[in-house]
């Protein structure tokens, strides 16, 4: 999974999915304010996307990408995390 920061507020989850699917199968995307999580089917795709896109200008910001061990299933109102 990748953690993406520095996203503009008008960037959508669909736009993120479209961009990151170029590097492997994306299982799900979650955007929260100016950051998001991209869940890839396999770690190799996440690493490839991170290596190719980290520091690139996309959506008028420089993307900062990090591998994440945090597992985000769903964000519930009030900021609580819970599994589906």
PDB file of N, CA and C in Angstrom:
ATOM      1  N   UNK A   1       0.839  -1.156   0.000  1.00  0.00           N
ATOM      2  CA  UNK A   1       0.000   0.000   0.000  1.00  0.00           C
ATOM      3  C   UNK A   1       0.895   1.233   0.000  1.00  0.00           C
ATOM      4  N   UNK A   2       0.456   2.259  -0.702  1.00  0.00           N
ATOM      5  CA  UNK A   2       1.179   3.521  -0.730  1.00  0.00           C
ATOM      6  C   UNK A   2       0.409   4.591   0.019  1.00  0.00           C
ATOM      7  N   UNK A   3       1.142   5.414   0.721  1.00  0.00           N
ATOM      8  CA  UNK A   3       0.617   6.620   1.347  1.00  0.00           C
ATOM      9  C   UNK A   3       1.017   7.772   0.434  1.00  0.00           C
ATOM     10  N   UNK A   4       0.062   8.569   0.010  1.00  0.00           N
ATOM     11  CA  UNK A   4       0.302   9.691  -0.904  1.00  0.00           C
ATOM     12  C   UNK A   4      -0.074  10.970  -0.175  1.00  0.00           C
ATOM     13  N   UNK A   5       0.830  11.946  -0.169  1.00  0.00           N
ATOM     14  CA  UNK A   5       0.494  13.209   0.491  1.00  0.00           C
ATOM     15  C   UNK A   5       0.654  14.364  -0.488  1.00  0.00           C
ATOM     16  N   UNK A   6       0.261  15.542  -0.048  1.00  0.00           N
ATOM     17  CA  UNK A   6       0.324  16.775  -0.845  1.00  0.00           C
ATOM     18  C   UNK A   6      -0.710  16.806  -1.963  1.00  0.00           C
ATOM     19  N   UNK A   7      -1.832  16.135  -1.794  1.00  0.00           N
ATOM     20  CA  UNK A   7      -2.875  16.148  -2.822  1.00  0.00           C
ATOM     21  C   UNK A   7      -3.712  17.416  -2.717  1.00  0.00           C
ATOM     22  N   UNK A   8      -4.094  17.951  -3.859  1.00  0.00           N
ATOM     23  CA  UNK A   8      -5.020  19.087  -3.863  1.00  0.00           C
ATOM     24  C   UNK A   8      -6.388  18.615  -3.404  1.00  0.00           C
ATOM     25  N   UNK A   9      -7.171  19.531  -2.882  1.00  0.00           N
ATOM     26  CA  UNK A   9      -8.488  19.161  -2.364  1.00  0.00           C
ATOM     27  C   UNK A   9      -9.446  18.698  -3.452  1.00  0.00           C
ATOM     28  N   UNK A  10      -9.221  19.118  -4.713  1.00  0.00           N
ATOM     29  CA  UNK A  10     -10.139  18.739  -5.789  1.00  0.00           C
ATOM     30  C   UNK A  10      -9.754  17.435  -6.492  1.00  0.00           C
ATOM     31  N   UNK A  11      -8.677  16.795  -6.080  1.00  0.00           N
ATOM     32  CA  UNK A  11      -8.292  15.506  -6.656  1.00  0.00           C
ATOM     33  C   UNK A  11      -9.242  14.442  -6.130  1.00  0.00           C
ATOM     34  N   UNK A  12      -9.739  13.586  -7.022  1.00  0.00           N
ATOM     35  CA  UNK A  12     -10.709  12.561  -6.628  1.00  0.00           C
ATOM     36  C   UNK A  12     -10.053  11.193  -6.505  1.00  0.00           C
ATOM     37  N   UNK A  13     -10.743  10.279  -5.841  1.00  0.00           N
ATOM     38  CA  UNK A  13     -10.272   8.903  -5.745  1.00  0.00           C
ATOM     39  C   UNK A  13     -10.205   8.261  -7.125  1.00  0.00           C
ATOM     40  N   UNK A  14     -11.138   8.595  -8.006  1.00  0.00           N
ATOM     41  CA  UNK A  14     -11.122   8.048  -9.366  1.00  0.00           C
ATOM     42  C   UNK A  14      -9.876   8.496 -10.134  1.00  0.00           C
ATOM     43  N   UNK A  15      -9.478   9.750  -9.963  1.00  0.00           N
ATOM     44  CA  UNK A  15      -8.268  10.240 -10.627  1.00  0.00           C
ATOM     45  C   UNK A  15      -7.033   9.513 -10.099  1.00  0.00           C
ATOM     46  N   UNK A  16      -6.984   9.303  -8.806  1.00  0.00           N
ATOM     47  CA  UNK A  16      -5.857   8.573  -8.229  1.00  0.00           C
ATOM     48  C   UNK A  16      -5.809   7.140  -8.742  1.00  0.00           C
ATOM     49  N   UNK A  17      -6.967   6.485  -8.764  1.00  0.00           N
ATOM     50  CA  UNK A  17      -7.022   5.111  -9.258  1.00  0.00           C
ATOM     51  C   UNK A  17      -6.526   5.038 -10.707  1.00  0.00           C
ATOM     52  N   UNK A  18      -7.004   5.953 -11.530  1.00  0.00           N
ATOM     53  CA  UNK A  18      -6.623   5.965 -12.943  1.00  0.00           C
ATOM     54  C   UNK A  18      -5.107   6.102 -13.101  1.00  0.00           C
ATOM     55  N   UNK A  19      -4.495   6.984 -12.329  1.00  0.00           N
ATOM     56  CA  UNK A  19      -3.057   7.205 -12.439  1.00  0.00           C
ATOM     57  C   UNK A  19      -2.262   6.009 -11.933  1.00  0.00           C
ATOM     58  N   UNK A  20      -2.637   5.464 -10.799  1.00  0.00           N
ATOM     59  CA  UNK A  20      -1.846   4.396 -10.192  1.00  0.00           C
ATOM     60  C   UNK A  20      -2.091   3.039 -10.841  1.00  0.00           C
ATOM     61  N   UNK A  21      -3.238   2.845 -11.491  1.00  0.00           N
ATOM     62  CA  UNK A  21      -3.489   1.577 -12.187  1.00  0.00           C
ATOM     63  C   UNK A  21      -2.537   1.361 -13.353  1.00  0.00           C
ATOM     64  N   UNK A  22      -1.862   2.398 -13.787  1.00  0.00           N
ATOM     65  CA  UNK A  22      -0.862   2.260 -14.847  1.00  0.00           C
ATOM     66  C   UNK A  22       0.337   1.439 -14.360  1.00  0.00           C
ATOM     67  N   UNK A  23       0.434   1.223 -13.059  1.00  0.00           N
ATOM     68  CA  UNK A  23       1.592   0.540 -12.482  1.00  0.00           C
ATOM     69  C   UNK A  23       1.243  -0.790 -11.835  1.00  0.00           C
ATOM     70  N   UNK A  24      -0.003  -1.205 -11.911  1.00  0.00           N
ATOM     71  CA  UNK A  24      -0.407  -2.486 -11.348  1.00  0.00           C
ATOM     72  C   UNK A  24      -1.862  -2.448 -10.919  1.00  0.00           C
ATOM     73  N   UNK A  25      -2.355  -3.614 -10.535  1.00  0.00           N
ATOM     74  CA  UNK A  25      -3.764  -3.723 -10.137  1.00  0.00           C
ATOM     75  C   UNK A  25      -3.989  -3.060  -8.783  1.00  0.00           C
ATOM     76  N   UNK A  26      -4.897  -2.085  -8.786  1.00  0.00           N
ATOM     77  CA  UNK A  26      -5.250  -1.349  -7.571  1.00  0.00           C
ATOM     78  C   UNK A  26      -6.520  -1.960  -7.003  1.00  0.00           C
ATOM     79  N   UNK A  27      -6.467  -2.375  -5.745  1.00  0.00           N
ATOM     80  CA  UNK A  27      -7.634  -2.963  -5.095  1.00  0.00           C
ATOM     81  C   UNK A  27      -8.597  -1.900  -4.600  1.00  0.00           C
ATOM     82  N   UNK A  28      -8.062  -0.848  -3.967  1.00  0.00           N
ATOM     83  CA  UNK A  28      -8.924   0.246  -3.522  1.00  0.00           C
ATOM     84  C   UNK A  28      -8.095   1.499  -3.272  1.00  0.00           C
ATOM     85  N   UNK A  29      -8.804   2.613  -3.250  1.00  0.00           N
ATOM     86  CA  UNK A  29      -8.199   3.925  -3.058  1.00  0.00           C
ATOM     87  C   UNK A  29      -9.023   4.654  -2.000  1.00  0.00           C
ATOM     88  N   UNK A  30      -8.356   5.298  -1.066  1.00  0.00           N
ATOM     89  CA  UNK A  30      -9.044   6.099  -0.053  1.00  0.00           C
ATOM     90  C   UNK A  30      -8.348   7.443   0.052  1.00  0.00           C
ATOM     91  N   UNK A  31      -9.074   8.530  -0.208  1.00  0.00           N
ATOM     92  CA  UNK A  31      -8.533   9.883  -0.094  1.00  0.00           C
ATOM     93  C   UNK A  31      -9.146  10.549   1.122  1.00  0.00           C
ATOM     94  N   UNK A  32      -8.283  11.160   1.925  1.00  0.00           N
ATOM     95  CA  UNK A  32      -8.714  11.883   3.122  1.00  0.00           C
ATOM     96  C   UNK A  32      -8.016  13.238   3.093  1.00  0.00           C
ATOM     97  N   UNK A  33      -8.770  14.287   2.871  1.00  0.00           N
ATOM     98  CA  UNK A  33      -8.248  15.659   2.785  1.00  0.00           C
ATOM     99  C   UNK A  33      -7.115  15.745   1.769  1.00  0.00           C
ATOM    100  N   UNK A  34      -5.881  16.000   2.219  1.00  0.00           N
ATOM    101  CA  UNK A  34      -4.771  16.197   1.278  1.00  0.00           C
ATOM    102  C   UNK A  34      -3.844  14.992   1.203  1.00  0.00           C
ATOM    103  N   UNK A  35      -4.321  13.827   1.640  1.00  0.00           N
ATOM    104  CA  UNK A  35      -3.520  12.609   1.533  1.00  0.00           C
ATOM    105  C   UNK A  35      -4.420  11.434   1.196  1.00  0.00           C
ATOM    106  N   UNK A  36      -3.800  10.317   0.829  1.00  0.00           N
ATOM    107  CA  UNK A  36      -4.591   9.148   0.477  1.00  0.00           C
ATOM    108  C   UNK A  36      -3.784   7.874   0.598  1.00  0.00           C
ATOM    109  N   UNK A  37      -4.487   6.755   0.459  1.00  0.00           N
ATOM    110  CA  UNK A  37      -3.883   5.436   0.490  1.00  0.00           C
ATOM    111  C   UNK A  37      -4.262   4.700  -0.786  1.00  0.00           C
ATOM    112  N   UNK A  38      -3.266   4.126  -1.438  1.00  0.00           N
ATOM    113  CA  UNK A  38      -3.476   3.344  -2.643  1.00  0.00           C
ATOM    114  C   UNK A  38      -3.134   1.895  -2.296  1.00  0.00           C
ATOM    115  N   UNK A  39      -4.119   1.021  -2.359  1.00  0.00           N
ATOM    116  CA  UNK A  39      -3.937  -0.391  -2.024  1.00  0.00           C
ATOM    117  C   UNK A  39      -3.713  -1.178  -3.318  1.00  0.00           C
ATOM    118  N   UNK A  40      -2.506  -1.683  -3.503  1.00  0.00           N
ATOM    119  CA  UNK A  40      -2.189  -2.496  -4.670  1.00  0.00           C
ATOM    120  C   UNK A  40      -2.392  -3.964  -4.347  1.00  0.00           C
ATOM    121  N   UNK A  41      -2.625  -4.763  -5.384  1.00  0.00           N
ATOM    122  CA  UNK A  41      -2.769  -6.201  -5.210  1.00  0.00           C
ATOM    123  C   UNK A  41      -1.452  -6.819  -4.734  1.00  0.00           C
ATOM    124  N   UNK A  42      -0.324  -6.279  -5.216  1.00  0.00           N
ATOM    125  CA  UNK A  42       0.964  -6.819  -4.809  1.00  0.00           C
ATOM    126  C   UNK A  42       1.964  -5.701  -4.504  1.00  0.00           C
ATOM    127  N   UNK A  43       2.889  -6.000  -3.638  1.00  0.00           N
ATOM    128  CA  UNK A  43       3.879  -5.022  -3.168  1.00  0.00           C
ATOM    129  C   UNK A  43       4.767  -4.523  -4.303  1.00  0.00           C
ATOM    130  N   UNK A  44       5.107  -5.384  -5.246  1.00  0.00           N
ATOM    131  CA  UNK A  44       5.981  -4.993  -6.344  1.00  0.00           C
ATOM    132  C   UNK A  44       5.396  -3.829  -7.145  1.00  0.00           C
ATOM    133  N   UNK A  45       4.101  -3.857  -7.363  1.00  0.00           N
ATOM    134  CA  UNK A  45       3.446  -2.765  -8.093  1.00  0.00           C
ATOM    135  C   UNK A  45       3.513  -1.467  -7.299  1.00  0.00           C
ATOM    136  N   UNK A  46       3.340  -1.565  -5.985  1.00  0.00           N
ATOM    137  CA  UNK A  46       3.422  -0.377  -5.137  1.00  0.00           C
ATOM    138  C   UNK A  46       4.827   0.208  -5.183  1.00  0.00           C
ATOM    139  N   UNK A  47       5.834  -0.640  -5.114  1.00  0.00           N
ATOM    140  CA  UNK A  47       7.222  -0.175  -5.160  1.00  0.00           C
ATOM    141  C   UNK A  47       7.515   0.472  -6.509  1.00  0.00           C
ATOM    142  N   UNK A  48       7.058  -0.139  -7.590  1.00  0.00           N
ATOM    143  CA  UNK A  48       7.278   0.426  -8.926  1.00  0.00           C
ATOM    144  C   UNK A  48       6.622   1.804  -9.046  1.00  0.00           C
ATOM    145  N   UNK A  49       5.387   1.919  -8.604  1.00  0.00           N
ATOM    146  CA  UNK A  49       4.686   3.204  -8.670  1.00  0.00           C
ATOM    147  C   UNK A  49       5.415   4.250  -7.833  1.00  0.00           C
ATOM    148  N   UNK A  50       5.861   3.857  -6.655  1.00  0.00           N
ATOM    149  CA  UNK A  50       6.568   4.797  -5.788  1.00  0.00           C
ATOM    150  C   UNK A  50       7.857   5.280  -6.454  1.00  0.00           C
ATOM    151  N   UNK A  51       8.613   4.367  -7.041  1.00  0.00           N
ATOM    152  CA  UNK A  51       9.877   4.728  -7.677  1.00  0.00           C
ATOM    153  C   UNK A  51       9.664   5.636  -8.887  1.00  0.00           C
ATOM    154  N   UNK A  52       8.612   5.396  -9.647  1.00  0.00           N
ATOM    155  CA  UNK A  52       8.376   6.172 -10.863  1.00  0.00           C
ATOM    156  C   UNK A  52       7.661   7.503 -10.618  1.00  0.00           C
ATOM    157  N   UNK A  53       6.823   7.575  -9.607  1.00  0.00           N
ATOM    158  CA  UNK A  53       5.984   8.762  -9.420  1.00  0.00           C
ATOM    159  C   UNK A  53       6.421   9.671  -8.275  1.00  0.00           C
ATOM    160  N   UNK A  54       7.235   9.178  -7.352  1.00  0.00           N
ATOM    161  CA  UNK A  54       7.633   9.992  -6.209  1.00  0.00           C
ATOM    162  C   UNK A  54       8.364  11.244  -6.681  1.00  0.00           C
ATOM    163  N   UNK A  55       7.894  12.399  -6.245  1.00  0.00           N
ATOM    164  CA  UNK A  55       8.513  13.662  -6.610  1.00  0.00           C
ATOM    165  C   UNK A  55       8.048  14.241  -7.930  1.00  0.00           C
ATOM    166  N   UNK A  56       7.143  13.555  -8.624  1.00  0.00           N
ATOM    167  CA  UNK A  56       6.645  14.075  -9.897  1.00  0.00           C
ATOM    168  C   UNK A  56       5.539  15.090  -9.658  1.00  0.00           C
ATOM    169  N   UNK A  57       5.358  15.956 -10.621  1.00  0.00           N
ATOM    170  CA  UNK A  57       4.286  16.942 -10.538  1.00  0.00           C
ATOM    171  C   UNK A  57       3.032  16.326 -11.149  1.00  0.00           C
ATOM    172  N   UNK A  58       1.992  16.222 -10.345  1.00  0.00           N
ATOM    173  CA  UNK A  58       0.712  15.669 -10.787  1.00  0.00           C
ATOM    174  C   UNK A  58      -0.353  16.434 -10.031  1.00  0.00           C
ATOM    175  N   UNK A  59      -1.404  16.813 -10.696  1.00  0.00           N
ATOM    176  CA  UNK A  59      -2.485  17.564 -10.061  1.00  0.00           C
ATOM    177  C   UNK A  59      -1.941  18.852  -9.449  1.00  0.00           C
ATOM    178  N   UNK A  60      -0.889  19.425 -10.066  1.00  0.00           N
ATOM    179  CA  UNK A  60      -0.311  20.709  -9.685  1.00  0.00           C
ATOM    180  C   UNK A  60       0.378  20.702  -8.321  1.00  0.00           C
ATOM    181  N   UNK A  61       0.773  19.530  -7.867  1.00  0.00           N
ATOM    182  CA  UNK A  61       1.578  19.431  -6.652  1.00  0.00           C
ATOM    183  C   UNK A  61       2.659  18.381  -6.877  1.00  0.00           C
ATOM    184  N   UNK A  62       3.675  18.400  -6.051  1.00  0.00           N
ATOM    185  CA  UNK A  62       4.694  17.355  -6.110  1.00  0.00           C
ATOM    186  C   UNK A  62       4.220  16.214  -5.223  1.00  0.00           C
ATOM    187  N   UNK A  63       4.062  15.038  -5.815  1.00  0.00           N
ATOM    188  CA  UNK A  63       3.604  13.888  -5.053  1.00  0.00           C
ATOM    189  C   UNK A  63       4.712  13.381  -4.143  1.00  0.00           C
ATOM    190  N   UNK A  64       4.353  13.066  -2.931  1.00  0.00           N
ATOM    191  CA  UNK A  64       5.258  12.418  -1.985  1.00  0.00           C
ATOM    192  C   UNK A  64       4.658  11.059  -1.677  1.00  0.00           C
ATOM    193  N   UNK A  65       5.374   9.992  -2.011  1.00  0.00           N
ATOM    194  CA  UNK A  65       4.858   8.639  -1.859  1.00  0.00           C
ATOM    195  C   UNK A  65       5.706   7.844  -0.881  1.00  0.00           C
ATOM    196  N   UNK A  66       5.045   7.056  -0.055  1.00  0.00           N
ATOM    197  CA  UNK A  66       5.727   6.227   0.927  1.00  0.00           C
ATOM    198  C   UNK A  66       5.033   4.879   1.001  1.00  0.00           C
ATOM    199  N   UNK A  67       5.806   3.804   1.194  1.00  0.00           N
ATOM    200  CA  UNK A  67       5.190   2.519   1.486  1.00  0.00           C
ATOM    201  C   UNK A  67       4.601   2.611   2.883  1.00  0.00           C
ATOM    202  N   UNK A  68       3.439   2.037   3.056  1.00  0.00           N
ATOM    203  CA  UNK A  68       2.763   2.115   4.343  1.00  0.00           C
ATOM    204  C   UNK A  68       2.432   0.724   4.836  1.00  0.00           C
ATOM    205  N   UNK A  69       2.612   0.512   6.121  1.00  0.00           N
ATOM    206  CA  UNK A  69       2.207  -0.757   6.721  1.00  0.00           C
ATOM    207  C   UNK A  69       0.849  -0.614   7.403  1.00  0.00           C
ATOM    208  N   UNK A  70       0.317   0.610   7.401  1.00  0.00           N
ATOM    209  CA  UNK A  70      -0.986   0.884   7.989  1.00  0.00           C
ATOM    210  C   UNK A  70      -2.060   0.289   7.102  1.00  0.00           C
ATOM    211  N   UNK A  71      -2.994  -0.430   7.666  1.00  0.00           N
ATOM    212  CA  UNK A  71      -4.053  -1.066   6.890  1.00  0.00           C
ATOM    213  C   UNK A  71      -5.359  -0.320   7.112  1.00  0.00           C
ATOM    214  N   UNK A  72      -5.788   0.412   6.107  1.00  0.00           N
ATOM    215  CA  UNK A  72      -6.998   1.215   6.212  1.00  0.00           C
ATOM    216  C   UNK A  72      -8.138   0.484   5.513  1.00  0.00           C
ATOM    217  N   UNK A  73      -9.159   0.141   6.263  1.00  0.00           N
ATOM    218  CA  UNK A  73     -10.315  -0.533   5.671  1.00  0.00           C
ATOM    219  C   UNK A  73     -11.420   0.464   5.393  1.00  0.00           C
ATOM    220  N   UNK A  74     -11.793   1.239   6.364  1.00  0.00           N
ATOM    221  CA  UNK A  74     -12.794   2.273   6.131  1.00  0.00           C
ATOM    222  C   UNK A  74     -12.671   3.333   7.205  1.00  0.00           C
ATOM    223  N   UNK A  75     -12.922   4.547   6.841  1.00  0.00           N
ATOM    224  CA  UNK A  75     -12.872   5.663   7.773  1.00  0.00           C
ATOM    225  C   UNK A  75     -14.305   6.047   8.104  1.00  0.00           C
ATOM    226  N   UNK A  76     -14.650   5.906   9.352  1.00  0.00           N
ATOM    227  CA  UNK A  76     -16.013   6.173   9.786  1.00  0.00           C
ATOM    228  C   UNK A  76     -16.133   7.605  10.279  1.00  0.00           C
ATOM    229  N   UNK A  77     -17.339   8.172  10.283  1.00  0.00           N
ATOM    230  CA  UNK A  77     -17.532   9.527  10.796  1.00  0.00           C
ATOM    231  C   UNK A  77     -16.942   9.661  12.197  1.00  0.00           C
ATOM    232  N   UNK A  78     -16.338  10.790  12.441  1.00  0.00           N
ATOM    233  CA  UNK A  78     -15.712  10.998  13.739  1.00  0.00           C
ATOM    234  C   UNK A  78     -14.248  10.603  13.760  1.00  0.00           C
ATOM    235  N   UNK A  79     -13.751  10.076  12.654  1.00  0.00           N
ATOM    236  CA  UNK A  79     -12.341   9.732  12.557  1.00  0.00           C
ATOM    237  C   UNK A  79     -11.976   8.379  13.102  1.00  0.00           C
ATOM    238  N   UNK A  80     -12.927   7.528  13.403  1.00  0.00           N
ATOM    239  CA  UNK A  80     -12.622   6.199  13.925  1.00  0.00           C
ATOM    240  C   UNK A  80     -12.393   5.222  12.779  1.00  0.00           C
ATOM    241  N   UNK A  81     -11.440   4.347  12.955  1.00  0.00           N
ATOM    242  CA  UNK A  81     -11.148   3.331  11.946  1.00  0.00           C
ATOM    243  C   UNK A  81     -11.779   2.007  12.377  1.00  0.00           C
ATOM    244  N   UNK A  82     -12.277   1.282  11.402  1.00  0.00           N
ATOM    245  CA  UNK A  82     -12.857  -0.013  11.702  1.00  0.00           C
ATOM    246  C   UNK A  82     -12.735  -0.923  10.502  1.00  0.00           C
ATOM    247  N   UNK A  83     -12.609  -2.209  10.761  1.00  0.00           N
ATOM    248  CA  UNK A  83     -12.601  -3.161   9.663  1.00  0.00           C
ATOM    249  C   UNK A  83     -13.998  -3.303   9.120  1.00  0.00           C
ATOM    250  N   UNK A  84     -14.075  -3.674   7.831  1.00  0.00           N
ATOM    251  CA  UNK A  84     -15.385  -3.896   7.220  1.00  0.00           C
ATOM    252  C   UNK A  84     -16.036  -5.103   7.814  1.00  0.00           C
TER     253      UNK A  84
END
